[in-house]
Amino acid sequence: MTLFNLLLDASVPGMAYFGAGIGAGIAALAAGLGIGKIGSSALESIARQPEATGDIRATMIVSAALIEGAAFFGIVVCLLIVFLK
């Protein structure tokens, strides 16, 4: 049985809410870790090559926005499971 089928199984009451909560938490945690890693790497890169600060900052902002968008998408899917169940 796949996770999706388990979450939508009507014989297990509350499992969809539990799965949606866990999924939203994992999405938020993963986004936080990813953006933290990007920031750490960017600061290290700027310390090594201060003349490339503008390029590194622009790349960091774009990467963080993409990660945040993916996390937002995951959280919205989890909320849809809760409200459409």
PDB file of N, CA and C in Angstrom:
ATOM      1  N   MET A   1       0.851  -1.175   0.000  1.00  0.00           N
ATOM      2  CA  MET A   1       0.000   0.000   0.000  1.00  0.00           C
ATOM      3  C   MET A   1       0.898   1.238   0.000  1.00  0.00           C
ATOM      4  N   THR A   2       0.655   2.150  -0.913  1.00  0.00           N
ATOM      5  CA  THR A   2       1.469   3.356  -0.991  1.00  0.00           C
ATOM      6  C   THR A   2       1.070   4.328   0.114  1.00  0.00           C
ATOM      7  N   LEU A   3       1.951   5.280   0.349  1.00  0.00           N
ATOM      8  CA  LEU A   3       1.680   6.280   1.377  1.00  0.00           C
ATOM      9  C   LEU A   3       0.445   7.100   1.021  1.00  0.00           C
ATOM     10  N   PHE A   4       0.287   7.412  -0.262  1.00  0.00           N
ATOM     11  CA  PHE A   4      -0.874   8.196  -0.692  1.00  0.00           C
ATOM     12  C   PHE A   4      -2.172   7.446  -0.409  1.00  0.00           C
ATOM     13  N   ASN A   5      -2.187   6.156  -0.690  1.00  0.00           N
ATOM     14  CA  ASN A   5      -3.391   5.365  -0.423  1.00  0.00           C
ATOM     15  C   ASN A   5      -3.661   5.262   1.073  1.00  0.00           C
ATOM     16  N   LEU A   6      -2.588   5.159   1.862  1.00  0.00           N
ATOM     17  CA  LEU A   6      -2.752   5.083   3.312  1.00  0.00           C
ATOM     18  C   LEU A   6      -3.336   6.376   3.863  1.00  0.00           C
ATOM     19  N   LEU A   7      -2.882   7.516   3.323  1.00  0.00           N
ATOM     20  CA  LEU A   7      -3.389   8.796   3.803  1.00  0.00           C
ATOM     21  C   LEU A   7      -4.856   9.013   3.437  1.00  0.00           C
ATOM     22  N   LEU A   8      -5.264   8.483   2.308  1.00  0.00           N
ATOM     23  CA  LEU A   8      -6.650   8.673   1.874  1.00  0.00           C
ATOM     24  C   LEU A   8      -7.567   7.533   2.277  1.00  0.00           C
ATOM     25  N   ASP A   9      -7.064   6.567   3.024  1.00  0.00           N
ATOM     26  CA  ASP A   9      -7.854   5.416   3.445  1.00  0.00           C
ATOM     27  C   ASP A   9      -8.885   5.862   4.478  1.00  0.00           C
ATOM     28  N   ALA A  10     -10.142   5.624   4.199  1.00  0.00           N
ATOM     29  CA  ALA A  10     -11.212   6.073   5.090  1.00  0.00           C
ATOM     30  C   ALA A  10     -11.349   5.180   6.318  1.00  0.00           C
ATOM     31  N   SER A  11     -10.750   3.982   6.291  1.00  0.00           N
ATOM     32  CA  SER A  11     -10.901   3.084   7.433  1.00  0.00           C
ATOM     33  C   SER A  11      -9.998   3.474   8.599  1.00  0.00           C
ATOM     34  N   VAL A  12      -9.031   4.349   8.357  1.00  0.00           N
ATOM     35  CA  VAL A  12      -8.140   4.801   9.424  1.00  0.00           C
ATOM     36  C   VAL A  12      -8.430   6.282   9.672  1.00  0.00           C
ATOM     37  N   PRO A  13      -9.313   6.585  10.634  1.00  0.00           N
ATOM     38  CA  PRO A  13      -9.682   7.983  10.847  1.00  0.00           C
ATOM     39  C   PRO A  13      -8.497   8.792  11.397  1.00  0.00           C
ATOM     40  N   GLY A  14      -8.324   9.974  10.878  1.00  0.00           N
ATOM     41  CA  GLY A  14      -7.284  10.866  11.357  1.00  0.00           C
ATOM     42  C   GLY A  14      -5.922  10.640  10.732  1.00  0.00           C
ATOM     43  N   MET A  15      -5.761   9.587   9.928  1.00  0.00           N
ATOM     44  CA  MET A  15      -4.456   9.314   9.342  1.00  0.00           C
ATOM     45  C   MET A  15      -4.071  10.376   8.318  1.00  0.00           C
ATOM     46  N   ALA A  16      -5.051  10.908   7.597  1.00  0.00           N
ATOM     47  CA  ALA A  16      -4.755  11.958   6.617  1.00  0.00           C
ATOM     48  C   ALA A  16      -4.248  13.213   7.318  1.00  0.00           C
ATOM     49  N   TYR A  17      -4.852  13.555   8.437  1.00  0.00           N
ATOM     50  CA  TYR A  17      -4.415  14.734   9.179  1.00  0.00           C
ATOM     51  C   TYR A  17      -3.009  14.539   9.745  1.00  0.00           C
ATOM     52  N   PHE A  18      -2.752  13.348  10.236  1.00  0.00           N
ATOM     53  CA  PHE A  18      -1.434  13.033  10.766  1.00  0.00           C
ATOM     54  C   PHE A  18      -0.380  13.105   9.663  1.00  0.00           C
ATOM     55  N   GLY A  19      -0.682  12.499   8.526  1.00  0.00           N
ATOM     56  CA  GLY A  19       0.254  12.508   7.405  1.00  0.00           C
ATOM     57  C   GLY A  19       0.495  13.902   6.857  1.00  0.00           C
ATOM     58  N   ALA A  20      -0.569  14.698   6.794  1.00  0.00           N
ATOM     59  CA  ALA A  20      -0.429  16.068   6.305  1.00  0.00           C
ATOM     60  C   ALA A  20       0.417  16.906   7.257  1.00  0.00           C
ATOM     61  N   GLY A  21       0.221  16.718   8.541  1.00  0.00           N
ATOM     62  CA  GLY A  21       1.034  17.442   9.516  1.00  0.00           C
ATOM     63  C   GLY A  21       2.504  17.059   9.444  1.00  0.00           C
ATOM     64  N   ILE A  22       2.762  15.767   9.328  1.00  0.00           N
ATOM     65  CA  ILE A  22       4.141  15.308   9.207  1.00  0.00           C
ATOM     66  C   ILE A  22       4.759  15.828   7.906  1.00  0.00           C
ATOM     67  N   GLY A  23       3.996  15.778   6.815  1.00  0.00           N
ATOM     68  CA  GLY A  23       4.503  16.258   5.527  1.00  0.00           C
ATOM     69  C   GLY A  23       4.818  17.743   5.542  1.00  0.00           C
ATOM     70  N   ALA A  24       3.942  18.534   6.135  1.00  0.00           N
ATOM     71  CA  ALA A  24       4.189  19.975   6.215  1.00  0.00           C
ATOM     72  C   ALA A  24       5.403  20.274   7.082  1.00  0.00           C
ATOM     73  N   GLY A  25       5.541  19.532   8.164  1.00  0.00           N
ATOM     74  CA  GLY A  25       6.707  19.724   9.027  1.00  0.00           C
ATOM     75  C   GLY A  25       8.002  19.368   8.327  1.00  0.00           C
ATOM     76  N   ILE A  26       8.002  18.278   7.589  1.00  0.00           N
ATOM     77  CA  ILE A  26       9.202  17.871   6.857  1.00  0.00           C
ATOM     78  C   ILE A  26       9.538  18.894   5.771  1.00  0.00           C
ATOM     79  N   ALA A  27       8.529  19.406   5.089  1.00  0.00           N
ATOM     80  CA  ALA A  27       8.764  20.409   4.047  1.00  0.00           C
ATOM     81  C   ALA A  27       9.377  21.676   4.639  1.00  0.00           C
ATOM     82  N   ALA A  28       8.853  22.138   5.761  1.00  0.00           N
ATOM     83  CA  ALA A  28       9.384  23.341   6.402  1.00  0.00           C
ATOM     84  C   ALA A  28      10.797  23.109   6.932  1.00  0.00           C
ATOM     85  N   LEU A  29      11.020  21.947   7.532  1.00  0.00           N
ATOM     86  CA  LEU A  29      12.355  21.631   8.055  1.00  0.00           C
ATOM     87  C   LEU A  29      13.377  21.528   6.936  1.00  0.00           C
ATOM     88  N   ALA A  30      13.022  20.866   5.865  1.00  0.00           N
ATOM     89  CA  ALA A  30      13.951  20.715   4.746  1.00  0.00           C
ATOM     90  C   ALA A  30      14.272  22.061   4.103  1.00  0.00           C
ATOM     91  N   ALA A  31      13.278  22.921   3.996  1.00  0.00           N
ATOM     92  CA  ALA A  31      13.527  24.253   3.433  1.00  0.00           C
ATOM     93  C   ALA A  31      14.458  25.056   4.329  1.00  0.00           C
ATOM     94  N   GLY A  32      14.240  24.984   5.614  1.00  0.00           N
ATOM     95  CA  GLY A  32      15.114  25.691   6.547  1.00  0.00           C
ATOM     96  C   GLY A  32      16.551  25.198   6.471  1.00  0.00           C
ATOM     97  N   LEU A  33      16.712  23.891   6.400  1.00  0.00           N
ATOM     98  CA  LEU A  33      18.061  23.337   6.289  1.00  0.00           C
ATOM     99  C   LEU A  33      18.715  23.710   4.966  1.00  0.00           C
ATOM    100  N   GLY A  34      17.937  23.674   3.883  1.00  0.00           N
ATOM    101  CA  GLY A  34      18.483  24.018   2.575  1.00  0.00           C
ATOM    102  C   GLY A  34      18.906  25.473   2.488  1.00  0.00           C
ATOM    103  N   ILE A  35      18.075  26.366   2.966  1.00  0.00           N
ATOM    104  CA  ILE A  35      18.409  27.790   2.924  1.00  0.00           C
ATOM    105  C   ILE A  35      19.569  28.093   3.866  1.00  0.00           C
ATOM    106  N   GLY A  36      19.630  27.414   4.997  1.00  0.00           N
ATOM    107  CA  GLY A  36      20.767  27.582   5.899  1.00  0.00           C
ATOM    108  C   GLY A  36      22.073  27.138   5.263  1.00  0.00           C
ATOM    109  N   LYS A  37      22.023  26.042   4.530  1.00  0.00           N
ATOM    110  CA  LYS A  37      23.214  25.553   3.832  1.00  0.00           C
ATOM    111  C   LYS A  37      23.637  26.530   2.747  1.00  0.00           C
ATOM    112  N   ILE A  38      22.668  27.089   2.029  1.00  0.00           N
ATOM    113  CA  ILE A  38      22.986  28.080   0.991  1.00  0.00           C
ATOM    114  C   ILE A  38      23.653  29.302   1.615  1.00  0.00           C
ATOM    115  N   GLY A  39      23.094  29.796   2.710  1.00  0.00           N
ATOM    116  CA  GLY A  39      23.678  30.962   3.382  1.00  0.00           C
ATOM    117  C   GLY A  39      25.079  30.697   3.885  1.00  0.00           C
ATOM    118  N   SER A  40      25.286  29.538   4.470  1.00  0.00           N
ATOM    119  CA  SER A  40      26.609  29.162   4.967  1.00  0.00           C
ATOM    120  C   SER A  40      27.626  29.098   3.836  1.00  0.00           C
ATOM    121  N   SER A  41      27.254  28.454   2.755  1.00  0.00           N
ATOM    122  CA  SER A  41      28.167  28.325   1.617  1.00  0.00           C
ATOM    123  C   SER A  41      28.434  29.689   0.972  1.00  0.00           C
ATOM    124  N   ALA A  42      27.421  30.531   0.913  1.00  0.00           N
ATOM    125  CA  ALA A  42      27.606  31.855   0.321  1.00  0.00           C
ATOM    126  C   ALA A  42      28.557  32.700   1.155  1.00  0.00           C
ATOM    127  N   LEU A  43      28.403  32.658   2.468  1.00  0.00           N
ATOM    128  CA  LEU A  43      29.312  33.428   3.325  1.00  0.00           C
ATOM    129  C   LEU A  43      30.752  32.928   3.212  1.00  0.00           C
ATOM    130  N   GLU A  44      30.892  31.623   3.122  1.00  0.00           N
ATOM    131  CA  GLU A  44      32.233  31.056   2.956  1.00  0.00           C
ATOM    132  C   GLU A  44      32.826  31.465   1.607  1.00  0.00           C
ATOM    133  N   SER A  45      32.010  31.473   0.570  1.00  0.00           N
ATOM    134  CA  SER A  45      32.481  31.875  -0.760  1.00  0.00           C
ATOM    135  C   SER A  45      32.857  33.346  -0.792  1.00  0.00           C
ATOM    136  N   ILE A  46      32.061  34.176  -0.142  1.00  0.00           N
ATOM    137  CA  ILE A  46      32.365  35.613  -0.099  1.00  0.00           C
ATOM    138  C   ILE A  46      33.648  35.858   0.684  1.00  0.00           C
ATOM    139  N   ALA A  47      33.882  35.085   1.753  1.00  0.00           N
ATOM    140  CA  ALA A  47      35.116  35.245   2.517  1.00  0.00           C
ATOM    141  C   ALA A  47      36.335  34.856   1.687  1.00  0.00           C
ATOM    142  N   ARG A  48      36.183  33.889   0.798  1.00  0.00           N
ATOM    143  CA  ARG A  48      37.307  33.452  -0.035  1.00  0.00           C
ATOM    144  C   ARG A  48      37.540  34.383  -1.223  1.00  0.00           C
ATOM    145  N   GLN A  49      36.460  34.911  -1.803  1.00  0.00           N
ATOM    146  CA  GLN A  49      36.560  35.803  -2.956  1.00  0.00           C
ATOM    147  C   GLN A  49      35.666  37.025  -2.760  1.00  0.00           C
ATOM    148  N   PRO A  50      36.148  38.018  -2.039  1.00  0.00           N
ATOM    149  CA  PRO A  50      35.308  39.194  -1.767  1.00  0.00           C
ATOM    150  C   PRO A  50      34.904  39.962  -3.027  1.00  0.00           C
ATOM    151  N   GLU A  51      35.678  39.849  -4.102  1.00  0.00           N
ATOM    152  CA  GLU A  51      35.343  40.592  -5.321  1.00  0.00           C
ATOM    153  C   GLU A  51      34.127  40.011  -6.045  1.00  0.00           C
ATOM    154  N   ALA A  52      33.727  38.813  -5.704  1.00  0.00           N
ATOM    155  CA  ALA A  52      32.569  38.169  -6.344  1.00  0.00           C
ATOM    156  C   ALA A  52      31.319  38.259  -5.479  1.00  0.00           C
ATOM    157  N   THR A  53      31.283  39.200  -4.567  1.00  0.00           N
ATOM    158  CA  THR A  53      30.170  39.304  -3.617  1.00  0.00           C
ATOM    159  C   THR A  53      28.815  39.471  -4.299  1.00  0.00           C
ATOM    160  N   GLY A  54      28.740  40.337  -5.294  1.00  0.00           N
ATOM    161  CA  GLY A  54      27.461  40.602  -5.969  1.00  0.00           C
ATOM    162  C   GLY A  54      26.912  39.380  -6.682  1.00  0.00           C
ATOM    163  N   ASP A  55      27.778  38.672  -7.390  1.00  0.00           N
ATOM    164  CA  ASP A  55      27.333  37.473  -8.108  1.00  0.00           C
ATOM    165  C   ASP A  55      26.896  36.383  -7.142  1.00  0.00           C
ATOM    166  N   ILE A  56      27.665  36.201  -6.074  1.00  0.00           N
ATOM    167  CA  ILE A  56      27.334  35.160  -5.088  1.00  0.00           C
ATOM    168  C   ILE A  56      26.012  35.485  -4.404  1.00  0.00           C
ATOM    169  N   ARG A  57      25.811  36.750  -4.055  1.00  0.00           N
ATOM    170  CA  ARG A  57      24.575  37.154  -3.385  1.00  0.00           C
ATOM    171  C   ARG A  57      23.361  36.944  -4.285  1.00  0.00           C
ATOM    172  N   ALA A  58      23.491  37.312  -5.560  1.00  0.00           N
ATOM    173  CA  ALA A  58      22.372  37.135  -6.490  1.00  0.00           C
ATOM    174  C   ALA A  58      22.028  35.654  -6.655  1.00  0.00           C
ATOM    175  N   THR A  59      23.049  34.825  -6.797  1.00  0.00           N
ATOM    176  CA  THR A  59      22.820  33.392  -6.932  1.00  0.00           C
ATOM    177  C   THR A  59      22.191  32.814  -5.668  1.00  0.00           C
ATOM    178  N   MET A  60      22.632  33.297  -4.510  1.00  0.00           N
ATOM    179  CA  MET A  60      22.088  32.823  -3.242  1.00  0.00           C
ATOM    180  C   MET A  60      20.605  33.177  -3.113  1.00  0.00           C
ATOM    181  N   ILE A  61      20.247  34.378  -3.496  1.00  0.00           N
ATOM    182  CA  ILE A  61      18.853  34.810  -3.376  1.00  0.00           C
ATOM    183  C   ILE A  61      17.953  34.005  -4.307  1.00  0.00           C
ATOM    184  N   VAL A  62      18.404  33.776  -5.536  1.00  0.00           N
ATOM    185  CA  VAL A  62      17.607  32.994  -6.490  1.00  0.00           C
ATOM    186  C   VAL A  62      17.444  31.557  -5.990  1.00  0.00           C
ATOM    187  N   SER A  63      18.520  30.963  -5.504  1.00  0.00           N
ATOM    188  CA  SER A  63      18.456  29.583  -4.998  1.00  0.00           C
ATOM    189  C   SER A  63      17.536  29.483  -3.786  1.00  0.00           C
ATOM    190  N   ALA A  64      17.634  30.436  -2.871  1.00  0.00           N
ATOM    191  CA  ALA A  64      16.775  30.422  -1.687  1.00  0.00           C
ATOM    192  C   ALA A  64      15.304  30.593  -2.082  1.00  0.00           C
ATOM    193  N   ALA A  65      15.042  31.419  -3.076  1.00  0.00           N
ATOM    194  CA  ALA A  65      13.652  31.608  -3.522  1.00  0.00           C
ATOM    195  C   ALA A  65      13.098  30.330  -4.142  1.00  0.00           C
ATOM    196  N   LEU A  66      13.919  29.616  -4.899  1.00  0.00           N
ATOM    197  CA  LEU A  66      13.456  28.366  -5.495  1.00  0.00           C
ATOM    198  C   LEU A  66      13.171  27.315  -4.429  1.00  0.00           C
ATOM    199  N   ILE A  67      14.027  27.233  -3.432  1.00  0.00           N
ATOM    200  CA  ILE A  67      13.803  26.271  -2.343  1.00  0.00           C
ATOM    201  C   ILE A  67      12.545  26.643  -1.564  1.00  0.00           C
ATOM    202  N   GLU A  68      12.378  27.930  -1.310  1.00  0.00           N
ATOM    203  CA  GLU A  68      11.200  28.369  -0.562  1.00  0.00           C
ATOM    204  C   GLU A  68       9.918  28.100  -1.357  1.00  0.00           C
ATOM    205  N   GLY A  69       9.981  28.266  -2.669  1.00  0.00           N
ATOM    206  CA  GLY A  69       8.822  27.968  -3.507  1.00  0.00           C
ATOM    207  C   GLY A  69       8.459  26.497  -3.478  1.00  0.00           C
ATOM    208  N   ALA A  70       9.465  25.632  -3.525  1.00  0.00           N
ATOM    209  CA  ALA A  70       9.200  24.191  -3.463  1.00  0.00           C
ATOM    210  C   ALA A  70       8.620  23.808  -2.109  1.00  0.00           C
ATOM    211  N   ALA A  71       9.140  24.405  -1.043  1.00  0.00           N
ATOM    212  CA  ALA A  71       8.612  24.120   0.292  1.00  0.00           C
ATOM    213  C   ALA A  71       7.176  24.615   0.425  1.00  0.00           C
ATOM    214  N   PHE A  72       6.913  25.791  -0.111  1.00  0.00           N
ATOM    215  CA  PHE A  72       5.544  26.324  -0.069  1.00  0.00           C
ATOM    216  C   PHE A  72       4.590  25.410  -0.819  1.00  0.00           C
ATOM    217  N   PHE A  73       5.021  24.888  -1.964  1.00  0.00           N
ATOM    218  CA  PHE A  73       4.205  23.961  -2.730  1.00  0.00           C
ATOM    219  C   PHE A  73       3.901  22.711  -1.911  1.00  0.00           C
ATOM    220  N   GLY A  74       4.911  22.171  -1.221  1.00  0.00           N
ATOM    221  CA  GLY A  74       4.703  20.991  -0.385  1.00  0.00           C
ATOM    222  C   GLY A  74       3.736  21.253   0.761  1.00  0.00           C
ATOM    223  N   ILE A  75       3.844  22.402   1.375  1.00  0.00           N
ATOM    224  CA  ILE A  75       2.951  22.738   2.489  1.00  0.00           C
ATOM    225  C   ILE A  75       1.521  22.932   1.983  1.00  0.00           C
ATOM    226  N   VAL A  76       1.365  23.548   0.820  1.00  0.00           N
ATOM    227  CA  VAL A  76       0.026  23.734   0.248  1.00  0.00           C
ATOM    228  C   VAL A  76      -0.606  22.386  -0.073  1.00  0.00           C
ATOM    229  N   VAL A  77       0.166  21.452  -0.607  1.00  0.00           N
ATOM    230  CA  VAL A  77      -0.372  20.120  -0.891  1.00  0.00           C
ATOM    231  C   VAL A  77      -0.831  19.459   0.408  1.00  0.00           C
ATOM    232  N   CYS A  78      -0.058  19.592   1.462  1.00  0.00           N
ATOM    233  CA  CYS A  78      -0.459  19.005   2.752  1.00  0.00           C
ATOM    234  C   CYS A  78      -1.722  19.664   3.292  1.00  0.00           C
ATOM    235  N   LEU A  79      -1.843  20.971   3.142  1.00  0.00           N
ATOM    236  CA  LEU A  79      -3.054  21.650   3.591  1.00  0.00           C
ATOM    237  C   LEU A  79      -4.261  21.252   2.751  1.00  0.00           C
ATOM    238  N   LEU A  80      -4.055  21.009   1.463  1.00  0.00           N
ATOM    239  CA  LEU A  80      -5.161  20.548   0.623  1.00  0.00           C
ATOM    240  C   LEU A  80      -5.653  19.180   1.073  1.00  0.00           C
ATOM    241  N   ILE A  81      -4.732  18.329   1.518  1.00  0.00           N
ATOM    242  CA  ILE A  81      -5.146  17.026   2.044  1.00  0.00           C
ATOM    243  C   ILE A  81      -6.041  17.218   3.264  1.00  0.00           C
ATOM    244  N   VAL A  82      -5.674  18.158   4.119  1.00  0.00           N
ATOM    245  CA  VAL A  82      -6.455  18.397   5.335  1.00  0.00           C
ATOM    246  C   VAL A  82      -7.841  18.956   5.008  1.00  0.00           C
ATOM    247  N   PHE A  83      -7.890  19.968   4.135  1.00  0.00           N
ATOM    248  CA  PHE A  83      -9.153  20.645   3.898  1.00  0.00           C
ATOM    249  C   PHE A  83     -10.057  19.941   2.878  1.00  0.00           C
ATOM    250  N   LEU A  84      -9.490  19.111   2.039  1.00  0.00           N
ATOM    251  CA  LEU A  84     -10.313  18.417   1.049  1.00  0.00           C
ATOM    252  C   LEU A  84     -10.635  16.995   1.463  1.00  0.00           C
ATOM    253  N   LYS A  85     -10.185  16.565   2.601  1.00  0.00           N
ATOM    254  CA  LYS A  85     -10.440  15.206   3.075  1.00  0.00           C
ATOM    255  C   LYS A  85     -11.866  15.067   3.480  1.00  0.00           C
TER     256      LYS A  85
END
